[in-house]
Amino acid sequence: MADGGDLGFSFRATKAGDVAIVRDGRVVVVLRGAAAQRFLAAAGGATAAAAQQLMARATGNYRRGNERGAARHPRRRAGG
């Protein structure tokens, strides 16, 4: 989404310092150690839309929208 709207992510921080990022009721990724601390620091002051983007990037689920057209790009055509 270009506007960074709700992508369906949420997160839970544990007492041990881990961060579980959840989407559709399933844990997608667990951040531990320094990665968890960096995420919490960034998400702490972020807006809801910015937090959604942070969680999408942490899970690797952030490339949406332009993949379909990429296959038709002139540089990708065989035999040009």
N, C-alpha and C. Protein backbone atom coordinates (compact mmCIF):
# COMPACT_ATOMS: atom_id res chain seq x y z
N MET A 1 0.83 -1.19 0.00
CA MET A 1 0.00 0.00 0.00
C MET A 1 0.86 1.24 0.00
N ALA A 2 0.57 2.15 -0.83
CA ALA A 2 1.38 3.34 -0.93
C ALA A 2 1.21 4.25 0.28
N ASP A 3 0.02 4.25 0.86
CA ASP A 3 -0.22 5.13 2.00
C ASP A 3 0.20 4.51 3.33
N GLY A 4 0.67 3.28 3.32
CA GLY A 4 1.12 2.64 4.56
C GLY A 4 -0.02 2.28 5.48
N GLY A 5 -1.21 2.02 4.92
CA GLY A 5 -2.37 1.69 5.73
C GLY A 5 -2.21 0.40 6.51
N ASP A 6 -3.30 -0.05 7.10
CA ASP A 6 -3.26 -1.23 7.94
C ASP A 6 -2.99 -2.47 7.10
N LEU A 7 -1.88 -3.11 7.36
CA LEU A 7 -1.50 -4.32 6.64
C LEU A 7 -1.82 -5.57 7.44
N GLY A 8 -2.41 -5.41 8.62
CA GLY A 8 -2.83 -6.55 9.41
C GLY A 8 -1.80 -7.08 10.38
N PHE A 9 -0.73 -6.34 10.61
CA PHE A 9 0.31 -6.80 11.52
C PHE A 9 0.07 -6.27 12.92
N SER A 10 0.54 -7.03 13.90
CA SER A 10 0.60 -6.56 15.28
C SER A 10 1.84 -7.19 15.89
N PHE A 11 2.23 -6.74 17.08
CA PHE A 11 3.40 -7.33 17.70
C PHE A 11 3.20 -7.44 19.20
N ARG A 12 3.94 -8.39 19.77
CA ARG A 12 3.93 -8.60 21.22
C ARG A 12 5.37 -8.63 21.70
N ALA A 13 5.66 -7.84 22.71
CA ALA A 13 6.99 -7.86 23.32
C ALA A 13 6.91 -8.73 24.57
N THR A 14 7.90 -9.59 24.76
CA THR A 14 7.93 -10.48 25.92
C THR A 14 8.85 -9.91 27.00
N LYS A 15 8.74 -10.46 28.19
CA LYS A 15 9.61 -10.03 29.29
C LYS A 15 11.07 -10.33 28.98
N ALA A 16 11.32 -11.37 28.21
CA ALA A 16 12.69 -11.77 27.86
C ALA A 16 13.32 -10.82 26.84
N GLY A 17 12.52 -9.90 26.28
CA GLY A 17 13.04 -8.94 25.32
C GLY A 17 12.80 -9.32 23.87
N ASP A 18 12.13 -10.44 23.63
CA ASP A 18 11.81 -10.85 22.27
C ASP A 18 10.59 -10.09 21.78
N VAL A 19 10.46 -9.99 20.46
CA VAL A 19 9.30 -9.35 19.84
C VAL A 19 8.73 -10.34 18.83
N ALA A 20 7.47 -10.71 19.02
CA ALA A 20 6.78 -11.59 18.08
C ALA A 20 5.89 -10.73 17.20
N ILE A 21 6.10 -10.81 15.90
CA ILE A 21 5.27 -10.07 14.95
C ILE A 21 4.24 -11.05 14.42
N VAL A 22 2.96 -10.64 14.52
CA VAL A 22 1.83 -11.51 14.24
C VAL A 22 1.01 -10.93 13.09
N ARG A 23 0.54 -11.83 12.21
CA ARG A 23 -0.38 -11.43 11.16
C ARG A 23 -1.41 -12.54 11.01
N ASP A 24 -2.68 -12.18 10.99
CA ASP A 24 -3.79 -13.12 10.87
C ASP A 24 -3.74 -14.20 11.94
N GLY A 25 -3.36 -13.81 13.15
CA GLY A 25 -3.36 -14.74 14.27
C GLY A 25 -2.18 -15.68 14.33
N ARG A 26 -1.23 -15.54 13.40
CA ARG A 26 -0.07 -16.43 13.37
C ARG A 26 1.21 -15.63 13.57
N VAL A 27 2.12 -16.20 14.34
CA VAL A 27 3.41 -15.56 14.52
C VAL A 27 4.19 -15.71 13.21
N VAL A 28 4.58 -14.57 12.64
CA VAL A 28 5.29 -14.58 11.37
C VAL A 28 6.79 -14.64 11.61
N VAL A 29 7.27 -13.86 12.57
CA VAL A 29 8.69 -13.82 12.87
C VAL A 29 8.87 -13.42 14.33
N VAL A 30 9.95 -13.90 14.93
CA VAL A 30 10.31 -13.51 16.29
C VAL A 30 11.66 -12.82 16.22
N LEU A 31 11.70 -11.58 16.66
CA LEU A 31 12.95 -10.83 16.71
C LEU A 31 13.55 -10.99 18.09
N ARG A 32 14.86 -11.20 18.13
CA ARG A 32 15.54 -11.38 19.41
C ARG A 32 16.75 -10.46 19.47
N GLY A 33 17.18 -10.19 20.67
CA GLY A 33 18.42 -9.44 20.88
C GLY A 33 18.39 -8.03 20.33
N ALA A 34 19.47 -7.68 19.62
CA ALA A 34 19.62 -6.32 19.11
C ALA A 34 18.53 -5.97 18.10
N ALA A 35 18.12 -6.93 17.29
CA ALA A 35 17.06 -6.67 16.30
C ALA A 35 15.76 -6.29 16.99
N ALA A 36 15.44 -6.98 18.08
CA ALA A 36 14.22 -6.68 18.83
C ALA A 36 14.30 -5.30 19.46
N GLN A 37 15.46 -4.96 19.99
CA GLN A 37 15.62 -3.65 20.62
C GLN A 37 15.52 -2.52 19.59
N ARG A 38 16.11 -2.73 18.41
CA ARG A 38 16.01 -1.71 17.34
C ARG A 38 14.57 -1.55 16.90
N PHE A 39 13.85 -2.67 16.78
CA PHE A 39 12.45 -2.60 16.37
C PHE A 39 11.62 -1.84 17.39
N LEU A 40 11.79 -2.18 18.67
CA LEU A 40 11.00 -1.51 19.71
C LEU A 40 11.30 -0.02 19.78
N ALA A 41 12.57 0.35 19.57
CA ALA A 41 12.93 1.77 19.58
C ALA A 41 12.28 2.50 18.41
N ALA A 42 12.25 1.88 17.26
CA ALA A 42 11.66 2.51 16.08
C ALA A 42 10.14 2.54 16.17
N ALA A 43 9.53 1.47 16.67
CA ALA A 43 8.08 1.38 16.73
C ALA A 43 7.50 2.23 17.86
N GLY A 44 8.31 2.53 18.87
CA GLY A 44 7.81 3.27 20.02
C GLY A 44 7.27 4.64 19.68
N GLY A 45 7.91 5.36 18.79
CA GLY A 45 7.47 6.70 18.43
C GLY A 45 6.81 6.78 17.08
N ALA A 46 6.53 5.64 16.46
CA ALA A 46 5.97 5.62 15.11
C ALA A 46 4.45 5.73 15.13
N THR A 47 3.92 6.27 14.05
CA THR A 47 2.48 6.29 13.87
C THR A 47 2.01 4.87 13.57
N ALA A 48 0.73 4.66 13.56
CA ALA A 48 0.19 3.32 13.29
C ALA A 48 0.60 2.85 11.89
N ALA A 49 0.53 3.73 10.91
CA ALA A 49 0.90 3.36 9.54
C ALA A 49 2.39 3.07 9.44
N ALA A 50 3.21 3.87 10.10
CA ALA A 50 4.66 3.64 10.08
C ALA A 50 5.01 2.35 10.79
N ALA A 51 4.31 2.03 11.86
CA ALA A 51 4.55 0.78 12.58
C ALA A 51 4.20 -0.42 11.70
N GLN A 52 3.12 -0.31 10.92
CA GLN A 52 2.76 -1.38 10.00
C GLN A 52 3.87 -1.61 8.98
N GLN A 53 4.45 -0.53 8.48
CA GLN A 53 5.55 -0.65 7.51
C GLN A 53 6.78 -1.27 8.16
N LEU A 54 7.07 -0.89 9.39
CA LEU A 54 8.20 -1.49 10.10
C LEU A 54 8.02 -3.00 10.27
N MET A 55 6.80 -3.40 10.63
CA MET A 55 6.54 -4.82 10.82
C MET A 55 6.60 -5.57 9.49
N ALA A 56 6.11 -4.95 8.43
CA ALA A 56 6.18 -5.58 7.11
C ALA A 56 7.63 -5.78 6.69
N ARG A 57 8.46 -4.78 6.93
CA ARG A 57 9.87 -4.90 6.57
C ARG A 57 10.58 -5.96 7.42
N ALA A 58 10.22 -6.02 8.69
CA ALA A 58 10.84 -7.00 9.57
C ALA A 58 10.49 -8.43 9.15
N THR A 59 9.32 -8.62 8.56
CA THR A 59 8.91 -9.95 8.13
C THR A 59 9.32 -10.25 6.70
N GLY A 60 9.75 -9.24 5.96
CA GLY A 60 10.07 -9.43 4.56
C GLY A 60 8.85 -9.33 3.67
N ASN A 61 7.71 -8.94 4.22
CA ASN A 61 6.46 -8.87 3.48
C ASN A 61 6.17 -7.41 3.13
N TYR A 62 7.04 -6.80 2.34
CA TYR A 62 6.84 -5.39 2.04
C TYR A 62 6.83 -5.09 0.55
N ARG A 63 7.14 -6.04 -0.30
CA ARG A 63 7.15 -5.78 -1.74
C ARG A 63 5.77 -6.09 -2.29
N ARG A 64 4.96 -5.11 -2.43
CA ARG A 64 3.62 -5.32 -2.95
C ARG A 64 3.30 -4.26 -4.00
N GLY A 65 2.71 -4.71 -5.09
CA GLY A 65 2.19 -3.77 -6.06
C GLY A 65 2.91 -3.75 -7.39
N ASN A 66 4.23 -3.85 -7.41
CA ASN A 66 4.91 -3.69 -8.68
C ASN A 66 5.50 -4.99 -9.23
N GLU A 67 5.33 -6.11 -8.57
CA GLU A 67 5.93 -7.35 -9.03
C GLU A 67 5.33 -7.83 -10.34
N ARG A 68 4.03 -7.66 -10.49
CA ARG A 68 3.36 -8.17 -11.69
C ARG A 68 3.87 -7.47 -12.94
N GLY A 69 4.04 -6.17 -12.87
CA GLY A 69 4.50 -5.40 -14.02
C GLY A 69 5.97 -5.57 -14.31
N ALA A 70 6.74 -6.01 -13.33
CA ALA A 70 8.18 -6.14 -13.51
C ALA A 70 8.52 -7.18 -14.57
N ALA A 71 7.75 -8.23 -14.67
CA ALA A 71 8.02 -9.27 -15.65
C ALA A 71 7.84 -8.76 -17.08
N ARG A 72 7.04 -7.74 -17.26
CA ARG A 72 6.80 -7.19 -18.60
C ARG A 72 7.73 -6.02 -18.94
N HIS A 73 8.61 -5.67 -18.03
CA HIS A 73 9.50 -4.54 -18.27
C HIS A 73 10.45 -4.85 -19.41
N PRO A 74 10.77 -3.89 -20.27
CA PRO A 74 11.62 -4.15 -21.44
C PRO A 74 12.98 -4.78 -21.11
N ARG A 75 13.57 -4.44 -19.99
CA ARG A 75 14.85 -5.04 -19.64
C ARG A 75 14.73 -6.51 -19.30
N ARG A 76 13.55 -6.98 -18.99
CA ARG A 76 13.35 -8.37 -18.58
C ARG A 76 12.95 -9.26 -19.75
N ARG A 77 12.71 -8.68 -20.91
CA ARG A 77 12.27 -9.46 -22.06
C ARG A 77 13.44 -10.20 -22.69
N ALA A 78 13.22 -11.44 -23.04
CA ALA A 78 14.27 -12.25 -23.67
C ALA A 78 14.32 -11.95 -25.16
N GLY A 79 15.50 -11.88 -25.69
CA GLY A 79 15.67 -11.71 -27.14
C GLY A 79 15.42 -10.30 -27.64
N GLY A 80 15.25 -9.35 -26.73
CA GLY A 80 15.05 -7.96 -26.92
C GLY A 80 14.80 -7.39 -28.18
